[in-house]
N, C-alpha and C. Protein backbone atom coordinates (compact mmCIF):
# COMPACT_ATOMS: atom_id res chain seq x y z
N MET A 1 5.79 -24.39 -15.07
CA MET A 1 7.06 -24.12 -15.67
C MET A 1 8.19 -23.91 -16.09
N VAL A 2 8.53 -22.48 -16.08
CA VAL A 2 10.05 -21.98 -17.00
C VAL A 2 11.26 -23.01 -17.01
N ALA A 3 11.40 -22.75 -18.52
CA ALA A 3 12.53 -23.55 -18.65
C ALA A 3 13.76 -23.02 -18.22
N THR A 4 14.69 -24.23 -17.67
CA THR A 4 15.90 -24.25 -17.32
C THR A 4 17.16 -24.07 -17.93
N THR A 5 17.84 -22.78 -18.26
CA THR A 5 18.93 -22.92 -19.17
C THR A 5 20.14 -23.63 -18.30
N THR A 6 21.10 -23.77 -18.96
CA THR A 6 22.16 -24.74 -18.69
C THR A 6 23.23 -23.35 -17.25
N ALA A 7 23.21 -22.56 -17.78
CA ALA A 7 23.70 -20.99 -16.79
C ALA A 7 22.91 -21.06 -15.61
N GLN A 8 21.52 -21.08 -15.68
CA GLN A 8 20.93 -21.14 -14.23
C GLN A 8 21.43 -22.32 -13.68
N ALA A 9 21.09 -23.49 -14.15
CA ALA A 9 21.04 -24.74 -13.14
C ALA A 9 22.27 -24.51 -12.58
N GLU A 10 23.19 -24.51 -13.23
CA GLU A 10 24.52 -24.18 -12.85
C GLU A 10 24.64 -23.01 -11.31
N CYS A 11 24.36 -21.68 -11.39
CA CYS A 11 23.54 -21.10 -10.78
C CYS A 11 22.75 -21.99 -9.20
N ALA A 12 21.96 -22.36 -9.99
CA ALA A 12 20.58 -23.01 -7.79
C ALA A 12 21.82 -24.30 -8.38
N ALA A 13 23.07 -23.71 -7.01
CA ALA A 13 24.10 -25.40 -6.54
C ALA A 13 22.85 -26.17 -6.22
N ASP A 14 22.80 -25.48 -4.82
CA ASP A 14 21.24 -26.09 -3.93
C ASP A 14 19.84 -26.29 -4.35
N LYS A 15 19.87 -27.00 -5.40
CA LYS A 15 18.61 -27.33 -5.87
C LYS A 15 17.23 -27.93 -5.09
N PRO A 16 17.56 -28.45 -4.09
CA PRO A 16 16.41 -28.78 -3.97
C PRO A 16 15.63 -27.45 -2.67
N ARG A 17 16.77 -26.09 -2.43
CA ARG A 17 16.69 -24.86 -2.12
C ARG A 17 16.07 -23.86 -2.87
N PHE A 18 16.66 -24.24 -3.91
CA PHE A 18 16.11 -23.04 -4.85
C PHE A 18 14.67 -23.61 -5.46
N GLU A 19 13.98 -25.37 -5.24
CA GLU A 19 13.17 -25.71 -5.85
C GLU A 19 12.11 -25.38 -4.83
N LEU A 20 12.39 -25.14 -3.76
CA LEU A 20 11.42 -24.56 -2.77
C LEU A 20 11.13 -23.52 -2.82
N LEU A 21 12.45 -22.45 -2.98
CA LEU A 21 11.54 -21.03 -3.75
C LEU A 21 10.73 -20.55 -4.11
N GLN A 22 11.35 -21.73 -5.29
CA GLN A 22 10.72 -21.03 -6.57
C GLN A 22 9.19 -21.92 -5.76
N ALA A 23 8.51 -22.63 -5.53
CA ALA A 23 7.44 -23.55 -4.95
C ALA A 23 6.42 -21.85 -4.31
N ASN A 24 7.85 -21.42 -3.59
CA ASN A 24 6.55 -20.36 -2.45
C ASN A 24 6.42 -19.02 -3.51
N LEU A 25 7.00 -18.86 -3.82
CA LEU A 25 7.52 -17.48 -5.47
C LEU A 25 5.36 -17.58 -5.39
N PRO A 26 5.57 -16.38 -5.53
CA PRO A 26 3.78 -15.52 -5.29
C PRO A 26 3.76 -15.72 -7.16
N GLY A 27 2.14 -16.53 -7.28
CA GLY A 27 1.51 -16.81 -8.51
C GLY A 27 0.79 -15.23 -9.05
N GLU A 28 0.79 -15.54 -10.29
CA GLU A 28 0.69 -14.74 -11.54
C GLU A 28 -1.00 -13.78 -10.91
N GLY A 29 -1.65 -14.61 -9.90
CA GLY A 29 -2.63 -12.98 -9.44
C GLY A 29 -2.14 -12.54 -8.25
N GLU A 30 -1.84 -13.38 -7.51
CA GLU A 30 -1.26 -12.73 -6.10
C GLU A 30 -0.82 -11.80 -6.74
N ILE A 31 0.30 -12.17 -8.09
CA ILE A 31 1.53 -10.42 -8.07
C ILE A 31 0.67 -9.43 -8.96
N GLU A 32 -0.67 -9.64 -9.51
CA GLU A 32 -1.74 -8.75 -10.14
C GLU A 32 -2.12 -7.93 -8.93
N GLU A 33 -2.36 -8.57 -7.61
CA GLU A 33 -3.29 -7.99 -6.94
C GLU A 33 -1.95 -7.08 -6.10
N ILE A 34 -0.89 -7.18 -6.29
CA ILE A 34 0.70 -6.79 -5.43
C ILE A 34 -0.34 -5.45 -6.56
N ALA A 35 0.46 -5.48 -7.39
CA ALA A 35 0.87 -4.37 -8.19
C ALA A 35 -0.71 -3.45 -8.05
N GLN A 36 -1.45 -3.54 -8.41
CA GLN A 36 -3.21 -3.17 -7.97
C GLN A 36 -2.55 -2.24 -6.91
N MET A 37 -2.42 -2.73 -5.67
CA MET A 37 -2.42 -2.53 -4.53
C MET A 37 -1.34 -1.13 -4.16
N MET A 38 -0.61 -1.56 -5.29
CA MET A 38 0.41 -0.53 -5.34
C MET A 38 0.46 0.42 -5.93
N ARG A 39 -0.57 0.20 -7.06
CA ARG A 39 -0.99 1.89 -7.91
C ARG A 39 -1.58 2.42 -7.28
N LEU A 40 -2.68 1.76 -6.27
CA LEU A 40 -3.67 2.06 -5.49
C LEU A 40 -2.86 3.45 -4.20
N PHE A 41 -1.69 3.01 -3.49
CA PHE A 41 -0.95 3.29 -3.04
C PHE A 41 -0.55 4.61 -3.39
N GLY A 42 0.42 4.34 -4.79
CA GLY A 42 0.94 5.33 -5.40
C GLY A 42 0.42 7.00 -6.19
N ASP A 43 -0.61 6.61 -5.71
CA ASP A 43 -1.36 8.17 -6.57
C ASP A 43 -1.61 9.31 -5.29
N PRO A 44 -0.72 10.38 -6.06
CA PRO A 44 -0.21 11.14 -4.08
C PRO A 44 -1.46 11.07 -3.28
N ALA A 45 -3.00 12.21 -4.30
CA ALA A 45 -4.35 12.32 -3.09
C ALA A 45 -4.90 11.31 -2.90
N ARG A 46 -4.78 9.64 -2.77
CA ARG A 46 -5.38 8.51 -2.51
C ARG A 46 -4.12 8.19 -1.01
N LEU A 47 -2.59 8.31 -1.62
CA LEU A 47 -1.98 8.43 -0.39
C LEU A 47 -2.61 8.95 1.25
N ARG A 48 -2.38 10.39 0.42
CA ARG A 48 -2.55 11.52 1.46
C ARG A 48 -3.98 11.20 2.26
N LEU A 49 -4.67 10.81 1.98
CA LEU A 49 -6.06 10.33 2.42
C LEU A 49 -5.28 9.23 3.63
N LEU A 50 -5.12 8.45 2.08
CA LEU A 50 -4.53 6.88 3.51
C LEU A 50 -3.78 7.41 4.92
N LEU A 51 -2.91 8.44 4.46
CA LEU A 51 -2.07 8.67 5.58
C LEU A 51 -2.57 10.19 7.01
N VAL A 52 -3.45 10.20 6.31
CA VAL A 52 -4.26 10.86 7.61
C VAL A 52 -4.81 9.78 8.48
N LEU A 53 -5.87 8.79 7.33
CA LEU A 53 -6.41 7.55 8.12
C LEU A 53 -5.67 6.82 9.32
N LEU A 54 -4.08 7.44 9.22
CA LEU A 54 -3.17 6.24 9.25
C LEU A 54 -2.99 6.95 10.69
N GLU A 55 -3.55 7.91 11.23
CA GLU A 55 -2.74 8.48 12.04
C GLU A 55 -4.40 8.84 13.07
N VAL A 56 -5.57 8.38 12.58
CA VAL A 56 -6.83 8.63 12.93
C VAL A 56 -7.48 7.33 12.92
N ASP A 57 -8.94 7.00 13.59
CA ASP A 57 -9.09 5.72 14.27
C ASP A 57 -9.86 5.72 12.72
N GLU A 58 -10.98 7.16 12.62
CA GLU A 58 -12.25 7.36 11.69
C GLU A 58 -11.99 8.44 11.52
N MET A 59 -12.43 8.83 10.14
CA MET A 59 -13.09 10.09 9.50
C MET A 59 -13.83 9.95 8.63
N CYS A 60 -15.06 11.84 9.05
CA CYS A 60 -15.64 11.92 7.68
C CYS A 60 -15.14 12.67 6.87
N VAL A 61 -15.71 12.32 5.51
CA VAL A 61 -15.12 12.58 3.88
C VAL A 61 -14.76 14.13 4.00
N GLY A 62 -15.61 15.26 4.93
CA GLY A 62 -15.94 16.88 4.79
C GLY A 62 -14.18 16.14 5.96
N ASP A 63 -14.09 16.29 7.04
CA ASP A 63 -12.95 16.92 7.56
C ASP A 63 -12.07 16.19 6.45
N LEU A 64 -11.41 14.95 6.35
CA LEU A 64 -10.67 14.18 5.40
C LEU A 64 -10.19 15.11 4.38
N ALA A 65 -11.70 15.92 3.41
CA ALA A 65 -11.63 16.87 2.12
C ALA A 65 -11.25 17.64 2.88
N GLN A 66 -11.28 18.45 3.93
CA GLN A 66 -10.05 19.60 4.30
C GLN A 66 -8.98 19.75 4.53
N LEU A 67 -8.68 18.17 5.55
CA LEU A 67 -7.37 18.15 5.87
C LEU A 67 -6.24 17.55 4.96
N THR A 68 -6.56 17.42 3.34
CA THR A 68 -6.17 17.13 2.14
C THR A 68 -6.16 17.57 1.22
N GLN A 69 -6.80 18.93 1.65
CA GLN A 69 -7.26 20.95 0.93
C GLN A 69 -7.57 19.63 -0.45
N MET A 70 -8.71 18.90 -0.64
CA MET A 70 -9.33 18.89 -1.43
C MET A 70 -10.54 18.83 -1.26
N ASN A 71 -11.63 18.73 -2.92
CA ASN A 71 -12.70 19.11 -2.47
C ASN A 71 -13.70 17.89 -2.60
N GLU A 72 -14.69 18.11 -2.22
CA GLU A 72 -15.54 16.26 -1.02
C GLU A 72 -15.79 15.78 -2.60
N SER A 73 -15.98 15.74 -3.76
CA SER A 73 -16.06 14.68 -4.93
C SER A 73 -14.81 14.06 -5.24
N ALA A 74 -14.19 14.68 -5.03
CA ALA A 74 -12.69 13.95 -5.13
C ALA A 74 -12.07 13.38 -3.77
N THR A 75 -12.57 14.02 -3.25
CA THR A 75 -12.11 12.51 -1.77
C THR A 75 -12.64 11.32 -1.90
N SER A 76 -14.25 12.05 -1.90
CA SER A 76 -15.24 10.92 -2.20
C SER A 76 -15.14 9.42 -3.29
N HIS A 77 -14.56 10.61 -4.11
CA HIS A 77 -14.28 9.48 -5.96
C HIS A 77 -13.08 8.38 -5.40
N ALA A 78 -12.39 9.13 -4.50
CA ALA A 78 -10.52 8.45 -3.87
C ALA A 78 -10.91 7.39 -3.40
N LEU A 79 -11.62 7.77 -2.39
CA LEU A 79 -12.36 6.92 -1.26
C LEU A 79 -13.35 5.59 -1.52
N ARG A 80 -14.02 5.24 -2.41
CA ARG A 80 -14.63 4.92 -3.26
C ARG A 80 -14.04 3.68 -3.64
N LEU A 81 -12.83 4.56 -4.20
CA LEU A 81 -11.49 3.56 -5.05
C LEU A 81 -11.09 2.20 -3.80
N LEU A 82 -10.93 2.71 -2.66
CA LEU A 82 -9.87 2.40 -2.04
C LEU A 82 -11.05 1.64 -1.67
N ARG A 83 -12.08 1.56 -0.95
CA ARG A 83 -13.27 0.57 -0.37
C ARG A 83 -13.36 0.15 -1.08
N ALA A 84 -13.83 0.27 -3.28
CA ALA A 84 -13.84 -1.43 -3.43
C ALA A 84 -12.73 -2.00 -3.23
N HIS A 85 -11.03 -2.43 -3.06
CA HIS A 85 -10.39 -2.56 -2.87
C HIS A 85 -10.01 -3.51 -1.63
N ARG A 86 -10.61 -2.72 -0.71
CA ARG A 86 -10.84 -2.80 0.16
C ARG A 86 -9.33 -2.63 1.52
N ILE A 87 -9.13 -1.53 0.86
CA ILE A 87 -7.61 -0.45 1.40
C ILE A 87 -8.37 0.16 2.30
N VAL A 88 -9.64 1.16 2.61
CA VAL A 88 -10.59 1.63 3.70
C VAL A 88 -11.99 1.42 3.49
N ALA A 89 -12.23 1.12 5.03
CA ALA A 89 -13.63 0.73 5.31
C ALA A 89 -14.50 1.56 5.48
N VAL A 90 -15.97 1.39 5.47
CA VAL A 90 -16.45 3.15 5.47
C VAL A 90 -17.33 2.51 6.74
N ARG A 91 -18.11 3.29 7.82
CA ARG A 91 -19.02 3.43 8.21
C ARG A 91 -20.33 4.44 8.21
N ARG A 92 -21.20 4.08 8.01
CA ARG A 92 -22.32 5.12 7.65
C ARG A 92 -23.33 5.59 9.26
N GLU A 93 -23.20 6.91 9.42
CA GLU A 93 -24.04 7.07 10.47
C GLU A 93 -25.06 7.96 10.32
N GLY A 94 -26.20 8.46 10.07
CA GLY A 94 -27.00 9.12 9.56
C GLY A 94 -26.98 9.04 7.77
N ARG A 95 -26.48 10.15 7.77
CA ARG A 95 -25.91 10.78 6.12
C ARG A 95 -24.85 10.65 5.77
N MET A 96 -23.53 10.44 7.19
CA MET A 96 -22.33 10.53 7.35
C MET A 96 -21.71 9.78 6.70
N ALA A 97 -21.22 9.21 6.08
CA ALA A 97 -19.92 8.68 6.26
C ALA A 97 -18.18 9.02 6.41
N TYR A 98 -17.92 7.55 7.34
CA TYR A 98 -16.98 8.34 8.31
C TYR A 98 -15.91 6.64 7.94
N TYR A 99 -14.57 6.94 7.34
CA TYR A 99 -14.05 6.83 6.90
C TYR A 99 -12.48 5.64 7.83
N ARG A 100 -11.66 4.87 7.46
CA ARG A 100 -11.32 4.16 8.56
C ARG A 100 -10.33 3.16 7.17
N ILE A 101 -8.99 2.73 7.89
CA ILE A 101 -7.91 2.03 6.71
C ILE A 101 -8.50 0.12 7.31
N PHE A 102 -8.99 -0.67 6.28
CA PHE A 102 -9.49 -1.66 6.37
C PHE A 102 -8.55 -2.82 7.23
N ASP A 103 -7.17 -2.96 7.26
CA ASP A 103 -7.09 -3.84 8.23
C ASP A 103 -5.31 -3.15 8.89
N THR A 104 -5.33 -3.98 9.69
CA THR A 104 -3.18 -4.00 10.26
C THR A 104 -2.54 -4.64 9.25
N HIS A 105 -2.69 -4.82 7.96
CA HIS A 105 -1.70 -5.05 7.20
C HIS A 105 -1.50 -3.79 6.78
N VAL A 106 -2.68 -3.51 6.08
CA VAL A 106 -2.61 -2.36 5.67
C VAL A 106 -2.38 -1.01 5.72
N LYS A 107 -1.90 -0.90 7.54
CA LYS A 107 -1.49 0.24 8.27
C LYS A 107 -0.39 -0.40 8.23
N ALA A 108 0.46 -1.47 8.72
CA ALA A 108 1.88 -1.72 9.01
C ALA A 108 2.66 -1.61 7.58
N SER A 109 2.14 -1.86 6.48
CA SER A 109 2.71 -1.10 5.32
C SER A 109 2.53 0.45 5.62
N LEU A 110 0.98 0.77 4.92
CA LEU A 110 2.06 2.23 5.75
C LEU A 110 3.05 2.92 6.47
N GLN A 111 2.99 2.46 6.78
CA GLN A 111 3.63 2.53 8.73
C GLN A 111 4.83 2.46 8.41
N LEU A 112 5.38 1.00 7.01
CA LEU A 112 6.63 1.25 7.01
C LEU A 112 7.05 1.42 5.87
N THR A 113 6.69 2.18 4.97
CA THR A 113 7.47 2.80 4.25
C THR A 113 7.33 4.00 4.85
N LEU A 114 6.62 5.11 4.82
CA LEU A 114 6.40 6.36 6.24
C LEU A 114 7.75 6.09 6.75
N ASP A 115 7.45 5.36 7.88
CA ASP A 115 9.45 5.14 8.71
C ASP A 115 10.25 5.04 7.97
N HIS A 116 10.53 4.28 6.86
CA HIS A 116 11.77 3.97 6.07
C HIS A 116 11.79 6.07 4.83
N VAL A 117 10.48 6.47 4.48
CA VAL A 117 11.43 7.49 4.02
C VAL A 117 11.76 8.20 4.53
N ARG A 118 11.23 8.58 6.00
CA ARG A 118 11.63 9.21 6.68
C ARG A 118 12.79 9.62 7.35
N HIS A 119 13.16 8.10 7.26
CA HIS A 119 15.16 7.62 7.98
C HIS A 119 16.18 7.45 6.71
N GLU A 120 16.04 7.39 5.83
CA GLU A 120 16.35 8.05 4.65
C GLU A 120 16.80 9.49 4.42
N ARG A 121 15.41 9.96 4.96
CA ARG A 121 15.38 11.64 4.25
C ARG A 121 16.74 11.69 5.35
N GLU A 122 16.41 11.46 7.60
CA GLU A 122 16.99 11.76 7.78
C GLU A 122 18.51 11.37 8.00
N ALA A 123 18.73 10.00 7.21
CA ALA A 123 20.18 10.26 6.77
C ALA A 123 20.82 10.74 5.81
N ASP A 124 19.77 11.11 5.27
CA ASP A 124 20.80 11.47 3.80
C ASP A 124 21.08 13.38 4.60
N GLU A 125 20.51 13.65 5.02
CA GLU A 125 20.44 14.91 5.73
C GLU A 125 21.92 15.04 7.00
N ALA A 126 21.92 13.86 7.05
CA ALA A 126 23.23 14.10 8.11
C ALA A 126 24.29 13.37 7.57
N ARG A 127 24.43 13.28 6.69
CA ARG A 127 25.48 13.11 5.84
C ARG A 127 26.88 14.38 5.26
N PRO A 128 27.53 14.62 5.47
CA PRO A 128 28.80 15.57 4.57
C PRO A 128 28.93 15.76 3.74
N ARG A 129 28.43 16.70 3.05
CA ARG A 129 28.32 17.69 1.76
C ARG A 129 29.67 18.13 1.26
């Protein structure tokens, strides 16, 4: 537990609530996992792939490469990295590999972020200059 200074103790007027909040904060392992996921989302090429997959159930590597204007090798590499972190899942059919977003949590996170960016852009455009 982190040592509390006098100033911090004075700020925490509702000590039981403060202690409950402190107990419910993510641990260092969880924080590192979240940071790793955010870094995966932070790469524009990987983000483009994820945004395409947000709009479809699943898509093959060749189509993903074409839509994102990436070569197939770079696309495969990005998808492998996303798969290793359980952001996307793969289904194989013969020699073809079809990718999809792994679960609804990832989809919801991406959709909320996209909605936020679009909302902010619309608000900026509506503001008088």
